[in-house]
Every structure is written in C-alpha cells, then in structure tokens.
Amino acid sequence: MDSEIASPGRPADRRPTGQSDGRTPAFVIESYSVGYAGHAVVSEVSLSVASGEVVCIIGPNGAGKSTLIRGVTHEAQRLGGRVWLQGQEISEVPANQLASRGLGWVPQLDDIFPTLTVRENLEMGGYLLPRANVRSRLGEVAALFPLLVPLMGAVGGRLSGGERKVLALGRALMANPSVLLLDEPSAGLSPLMADQVLRVHVAALASHGVGVLLIEQRAIEAAAIATRVEVMVAGRIVASRPGGTITDVDAVAELFLGARNSP
C-alpha cells in the first residue's frame, strides 16, 4: 500500500497515509459527516486505525459516537466524506459486502443469534470461509477466547451478558477481519465483567493484529487499553490523546467540557 495522502480534492485512487508515527492505517475515516433525514449528527470527523491498534472514541451521551459507526455500516445516512479499508475506498460498498472486504463489527444490541448454540453462532460468523476452513478457524477463535470452549453446546440466549459479548466478539472474528468496529461492548455488564471484556478480550484482538475502533462509555477503563483516545463532543472530534493518559474522572470531565485539538 502506498503512502499518498487522500483528500476530498484528489482522485479516488489516491490512498490515505499513515499516522504521525509512520504506521500505515488499515482503516481511515476522512472528513466524515453522518446523520438522519439529511440532518448531520456527526460533522467532518477524520480518524484512522492501524493494524494491532485500539482507537477508542469517548464522549458524553448524544455526542454521535454510535452514529459514526452506523454511517460506516449504512444504518445512518452518509452526508459527506469517505471511508477507506486497507487502501480501498468502501464508502459506498453495501453493508452485506463489508465483511468480505475485511470489516467486522459488533453492535451494542442484537449481536448474536440467541436461538443458536455457541458453536453454531461461531460457524455462522465463518460463513464467508471455505467450508473446509471453518473448523480450523473455530479452533483459532476458541483459543483466543477460552471462555467459550466449555460453552460450545450452550444456547446463545441463555448465556450471561459477559459470555454473550465474548461470543459476539468471537463470531465477528471468525471471518478474519482486518478491522473490527465495537459499539459499547461493556454496555449492560457488571463492572467486573466490563473490565474483563475490555482489558482481556478486546485487548486480545489487537494483540493478534486486528485494528479495533472502539466506542465506549467507560472512558477510563477504555483509555487504559487504547493506543489512542479520540474525544467526541456534539458530533465533532475535539481532542486526541495517547492511550493511558486519561486516568481519572477529572481528566475525562476536562476533555468533555473544555478540550480542543492540541498536541
């Protein structure tokens, strides 16, 4: 992949460059505006995610964090800007083709098939794979998420909230995505299980080379595992910070209430 910078005024075959640290991004959102019925909820957002990186978007309720992802997956209306995956523009690729391009996502709700077993959910996640490869890929995913191994015969709808979320991560990973979009994976979980999902399971995705774009309300916990934190307020990115630098409630409040882009 080359390193030419993509901008709205350049030809469509130009590809976006990497981060300031020199890494080439796997996923790029460029000057992106998203909304409903022509009304923008998210305005001119740009960010990128490299392979093996966790980029977390935090912000107050109603900031537009989930709407940004819904624009990428065509559940909300794209009003401007472009999206790139592995150097190819996917702005207008239909939602049912995004997985085959290497983009996975786990929504906050309806993230598994509740009437199917854990094994069947995982196999459904591997529907794009050659049939001969599904079994081996299931073994790889189970090794990454050992919590699922004794649950293979359990019905998805009977799992605990934490088990269900880990299954959702595993199902999305079956297709071997290069980038995974996660919308509030800790929502509805106990503090202990939320911490485990973020610190153990989401972090494991990045350690295996998957680029992760994480939307999360638990700002401090998410910042602890993130490579970079993007702060969204009123539909715009107002600050960007290295992961691990947001360590307490006061820091979060300062970012939500008064931050602006700064080095």
Protein backbone atom coordinates (compact mmCIF):
# COMPACT_ATOMS: atom_id res chain seq x y z
CA MET A 1 0.00 0.00 0.00
CA ASP A 2 1.42 3.38 -0.95
CA SER A 3 1.51 6.39 1.31
CA GLU A 4 -0.10 9.12 -0.76
CA ILE A 5 -2.43 11.34 1.18
CA ALA A 6 -6.09 11.15 0.26
CA SER A 7 -8.10 14.34 0.38
CA PRO A 8 -11.52 15.30 -0.94
CA GLY A 9 -9.95 17.14 -3.86
CA ARG A 10 -7.68 14.34 -5.07
CA PRO A 11 -8.52 11.43 -7.38
CA ALA A 12 -10.31 8.43 -5.86
CA ASP A 13 -7.36 6.11 -6.44
CA ARG A 14 -5.12 8.08 -4.08
CA ARG A 15 -4.75 6.32 -0.74
CA PRO A 16 -4.52 7.88 2.71
CA THR A 17 -1.24 7.99 4.56
CA GLY A 18 -0.38 6.59 7.99
CA GLN A 19 -0.27 8.07 11.46
CA SER A 20 2.36 10.57 12.52
CA ASP A 21 4.37 7.65 13.93
CA GLY A 22 4.77 6.28 10.40
CA ARG A 23 2.37 3.34 10.58
CA THR A 24 0.09 2.89 7.59
CA PRO A 25 -3.55 2.77 8.69
CA ALA A 26 -5.78 -0.20 7.96
CA PHE A 27 -8.92 1.91 8.34
CA VAL A 28 -9.48 5.59 7.62
CA ILE A 29 -12.50 7.84 8.12
CA GLU A 30 -11.95 11.06 6.22
CA SER A 31 -13.97 14.30 6.69
CA TYR A 32 -16.99 12.16 7.50
CA SER A 33 -20.45 13.57 8.15
CA VAL A 34 -23.35 11.30 9.14
CA GLY A 35 -26.95 11.85 10.14
CA TYR A 36 -30.58 11.06 9.55
CA ALA A 37 -33.02 12.53 7.02
CA GLY A 38 -30.38 14.96 5.84
CA HIS A 39 -29.63 16.31 9.33
CA ALA A 40 -26.00 15.93 10.40
CA VAL A 41 -25.33 14.32 13.78
CA VAL A 42 -21.61 13.81 13.08
CA SER A 43 -19.68 16.52 11.22
CA GLU A 44 -16.32 16.39 9.42
CA VAL A 45 -14.78 13.60 11.53
CA SER A 46 -11.40 12.21 10.48
CA LEU A 47 -9.52 9.40 12.21
CA SER A 48 -7.60 6.25 11.41
CA VAL A 49 -6.79 2.85 12.90
CA ALA A 50 -3.63 0.85 12.23
CA SER A 51 -3.36 -2.93 12.45
CA GLY A 52 -2.97 -4.04 16.06
CA GLU A 53 -4.15 -0.68 17.35
CA VAL A 54 -7.12 0.12 19.59
CA VAL A 55 -8.55 3.55 18.88
CA CYS A 56 -11.24 4.48 21.35
CA ILE A 57 -13.87 7.17 20.86
CA ILE A 58 -15.26 8.55 24.10
CA GLY A 59 -17.68 11.36 24.75
CA PRO A 60 -20.88 12.30 26.54
CA ASN A 61 -24.22 10.68 25.70
CA GLY A 62 -25.60 12.03 22.44
CA ALA A 63 -22.20 13.03 21.09
CA GLY A 64 -22.69 10.96 17.94
CA LYS A 65 -20.24 8.14 18.67
CA SER A 66 -22.51 5.26 17.67
CA THR A 67 -23.94 7.25 14.74
CA LEU A 68 -20.43 7.44 13.29
CA ILE A 69 -20.21 3.64 13.14
CA ARG A 70 -23.77 3.40 11.82
CA GLY A 71 -22.73 5.60 8.95
CA VAL A 72 -19.95 3.18 8.04
CA THR A 73 -22.36 0.23 8.17
CA HIS A 74 -25.09 2.17 6.32
CA GLU A 75 -27.55 2.21 9.20
CA ALA A 76 -27.30 6.01 9.14
CA GLN A 77 -27.01 8.41 6.21
CA ARG A 78 -23.59 9.41 4.93
CA LEU A 79 -23.74 13.14 4.19
CA GLY A 80 -20.11 13.65 3.19
CA GLY A 81 -16.61 12.27 3.40
CA ARG A 82 -15.08 8.88 2.66
CA VAL A 83 -14.10 5.62 4.33
CA TRP A 84 -11.08 3.51 3.41
CA LEU A 85 -10.18 -0.07 4.33
CA GLN A 86 -6.72 -1.41 3.50
CA GLY A 87 -6.24 1.35 0.94
CA GLN A 88 -9.55 0.77 -0.85
CA GLU A 89 -12.48 3.16 -0.58
CA ILE A 90 -15.54 1.43 0.88
CA SER A 91 -17.80 4.47 1.36
CA GLU A 92 -20.48 3.07 -0.94
CA VAL A 93 -19.87 -0.66 -0.53
CA PRO A 94 -23.19 -2.27 0.54
CA ALA A 95 -23.37 -3.37 4.15
CA ASN A 96 -23.70 -7.04 3.20
CA GLN A 97 -20.36 -6.88 1.37
CA LEU A 98 -18.30 -5.16 4.05
CA ALA A 99 -17.41 -8.39 5.84
CA SER A 100 -15.98 -9.84 2.64
CA ARG A 101 -13.77 -6.73 2.38
CA GLY A 102 -12.36 -7.38 5.87
CA LEU A 103 -14.52 -5.15 8.06
CA GLY A 104 -16.23 -6.70 11.08
CA TRP A 105 -18.50 -5.04 13.60
CA VAL A 106 -20.24 -5.89 16.84
CA PRO A 107 -23.33 -3.78 17.55
CA GLN A 108 -24.42 -2.90 21.05
CA LEU A 109 -27.62 -4.95 20.63
CA ASP A 110 -28.61 -7.97 18.52
CA ASP A 111 -25.00 -9.12 18.49
CA ILE A 112 -25.59 -12.91 18.40
CA PHE A 113 -28.23 -15.42 17.26
CA PRO A 114 -29.95 -16.23 20.58
CA THR A 115 -31.62 -19.46 19.40
CA LEU A 116 -28.38 -20.99 18.12
CA THR A 117 -25.67 -22.65 20.18
CA VAL A 118 -22.30 -21.04 20.77
CA ARG A 119 -20.73 -23.34 18.17
CA GLU A 120 -23.45 -22.56 15.63
CA ASN A 121 -23.04 -18.82 16.22
CA LEU A 122 -19.34 -19.10 15.55
CA GLU A 123 -19.91 -21.20 12.45
CA MET A 124 -22.37 -18.59 11.18
CA GLY A 125 -19.66 -15.99 11.68
CA GLY A 126 -17.45 -18.01 9.35
CA TYR A 127 -19.96 -18.15 6.50
CA LEU A 128 -17.52 -16.42 4.14
CA LEU A 129 -14.80 -19.01 4.71
CA PRO A 130 -14.39 -22.15 2.60
CA ARG A 131 -16.26 -24.91 4.40
CA ALA A 132 -13.04 -26.87 4.90
CA ASN A 133 -11.56 -23.93 6.82
CA VAL A 134 -14.41 -23.29 9.26
CA ARG A 135 -13.37 -25.96 11.76
CA SER A 136 -9.77 -24.78 11.98
CA ARG A 137 -10.82 -21.14 12.27
CA LEU A 138 -13.24 -22.06 15.03
CA GLY A 139 -10.35 -23.64 16.88
CA GLU A 140 -8.27 -20.49 16.48
CA VAL A 141 -11.07 -18.28 17.81
CA ALA A 142 -11.72 -20.65 20.71
CA ALA A 143 -8.02 -20.49 21.61
CA LEU A 144 -8.25 -16.70 21.69
CA PHE A 145 -11.43 -16.79 23.80
CA PRO A 146 -11.10 -19.90 26.02
CA LEU A 147 -14.19 -18.82 27.96
CA LEU A 148 -16.23 -20.15 25.03
CA VAL A 149 -14.74 -23.65 24.96
CA PRO A 150 -16.94 -25.25 27.68
CA LEU A 151 -19.97 -23.36 26.34
CA MET A 152 -19.95 -24.69 22.77
CA GLY A 153 -23.23 -26.58 23.21
CA ALA A 154 -25.00 -23.84 25.18
CA VAL A 155 -27.77 -21.81 23.55
CA GLY A 156 -26.71 -18.22 22.99
CA GLY A 157 -29.81 -16.72 24.55
CA ARG A 158 -29.07 -18.43 27.86
CA LEU A 159 -25.58 -17.02 28.28
CA SER A 160 -24.73 -14.34 30.80
CA GLY A 161 -24.18 -10.82 29.49
CA GLY A 162 -20.42 -11.17 29.57
CA GLU A 163 -20.43 -14.60 27.92
CA ARG A 164 -22.74 -13.29 25.23
CA LYS A 165 -20.46 -10.36 24.48
CA VAL A 166 -17.41 -12.59 24.23
CA LEU A 167 -19.37 -14.81 21.84
CA ALA A 168 -20.24 -11.73 19.76
CA LEU A 169 -16.54 -10.85 19.55
CA GLY A 170 -15.67 -14.40 18.58
CA ARG A 171 -18.40 -14.57 15.94
CA ALA A 172 -17.17 -11.33 14.36
CA LEU A 173 -13.60 -12.62 14.43
CA MET A 174 -14.45 -15.84 12.59
CA ALA A 175 -14.35 -14.05 9.23
CA ASN A 176 -10.77 -12.97 10.00
CA PRO A 177 -11.40 -9.22 9.68
CA SER A 178 -8.54 -6.77 9.43
CA VAL A 179 -10.57 -4.15 11.31
CA LEU A 180 -13.31 -4.57 13.90
CA LEU A 181 -15.82 -1.90 14.94
CA LEU A 182 -17.11 -2.32 18.51
CA ASP A 183 -20.10 -0.33 19.73
CA GLU A 184 -20.29 -0.17 23.54
CA PRO A 185 -19.12 -3.75 24.27
CA SER A 186 -19.38 -3.18 28.04
CA ALA A 187 -22.98 -1.90 27.96
CA GLY A 188 -25.18 -3.66 30.50
CA LEU A 189 -22.32 -5.63 32.04
CA SER A 190 -21.28 -5.64 35.69
CA PRO A 191 -18.17 -3.55 36.44
CA LEU A 192 -16.11 -6.72 36.89
CA MET A 193 -17.23 -8.30 33.62
CA ALA A 194 -16.95 -4.99 31.74
CA ASP A 195 -13.37 -4.69 32.90
CA GLN A 196 -12.65 -8.25 31.78
CA VAL A 197 -14.21 -7.72 28.35
CA LEU A 198 -12.15 -4.57 27.78
CA ARG A 199 -8.83 -5.47 29.40
CA VAL A 200 -8.70 -9.12 28.37
CA HIS A 201 -10.85 -9.78 25.33
CA VAL A 202 -10.72 -6.51 23.39
CA ALA A 203 -7.02 -6.16 24.11
CA ALA A 204 -6.52 -9.71 22.82
CA LEU A 205 -7.93 -8.71 19.44
CA ALA A 206 -5.28 -6.04 18.99
CA SER A 207 -2.52 -8.35 20.18
CA HIS A 208 -3.41 -10.62 17.26
CA GLY A 209 -3.10 -7.82 14.71
CA VAL A 210 -6.71 -6.72 14.37
CA GLY A 211 -7.30 -2.97 14.19
CA VAL A 212 -10.06 -2.02 16.64
CA LEU A 213 -12.26 1.07 16.60
CA LEU A 214 -13.94 1.07 20.00
CA ILE A 215 -16.94 3.16 21.06
CA GLU A 216 -17.15 3.09 24.85
CA GLN A 217 -18.85 4.92 27.72
CA ARG A 218 -16.47 3.55 30.34
CA ALA A 219 -13.91 6.16 29.39
CA ILE A 220 -11.21 5.50 31.98
CA GLU A 221 -11.25 1.72 31.52
CA ALA A 222 -11.25 2.04 27.73
CA ALA A 223 -8.43 4.59 27.76
CA ALA A 224 -6.30 2.14 29.73
CA ILE A 225 -6.26 -0.35 26.83
CA ALA A 226 -6.34 2.14 23.95
CA THR A 227 -3.46 3.14 21.75
CA ARG A 228 -5.18 6.45 21.17
CA VAL A 229 -8.30 8.14 22.53
CA GLU A 230 -10.46 10.41 20.38
CA VAL A 231 -12.88 12.67 22.26
CA MET A 232 -16.16 13.43 20.51
CA VAL A 233 -18.46 16.23 21.65
CA ALA A 234 -21.54 17.41 19.72
CA GLY A 235 -20.64 15.36 16.68
CA ARG A 236 -17.03 16.52 16.31
CA ILE A 237 -13.64 15.24 17.44
CA VAL A 238 -12.43 17.90 19.88
CA ALA A 239 -9.30 16.21 21.24
CA SER A 240 -6.95 13.32 20.63
CA ARG A 241 -4.81 11.82 23.39
CA PRO A 242 -2.39 8.87 23.65
CA GLY A 243 -3.83 5.83 25.40
CA GLY A 244 -3.10 5.61 29.09
CA THR A 245 -3.04 9.38 29.64
CA ILE A 246 -6.67 9.61 30.75
CA THR A 247 -6.55 8.14 34.23
CA ASP A 248 -9.26 9.75 36.33
CA VAL A 249 -12.71 11.32 36.29
CA ASP A 250 -11.33 14.86 36.40
CA ALA A 251 -9.34 14.28 33.21
CA VAL A 252 -12.43 12.93 31.45
CA ALA A 253 -14.54 15.87 32.60
CA GLU A 254 -11.93 18.34 31.39
CA LEU A 255 -11.86 16.70 27.96
CA PHE A 256 -15.65 16.54 27.65
CA LEU A 257 -16.20 20.12 28.77
CA GLY A 258 -13.28 22.10 27.52
CA ALA A 259 -10.85 20.26 25.26
CA ARG A 260 -9.79 21.38 21.82
CA ASN A 261 -7.34 19.80 19.44
CA SER A 262 -3.84 20.15 20.82
CA PRO A 263 -0.52 18.28 20.55
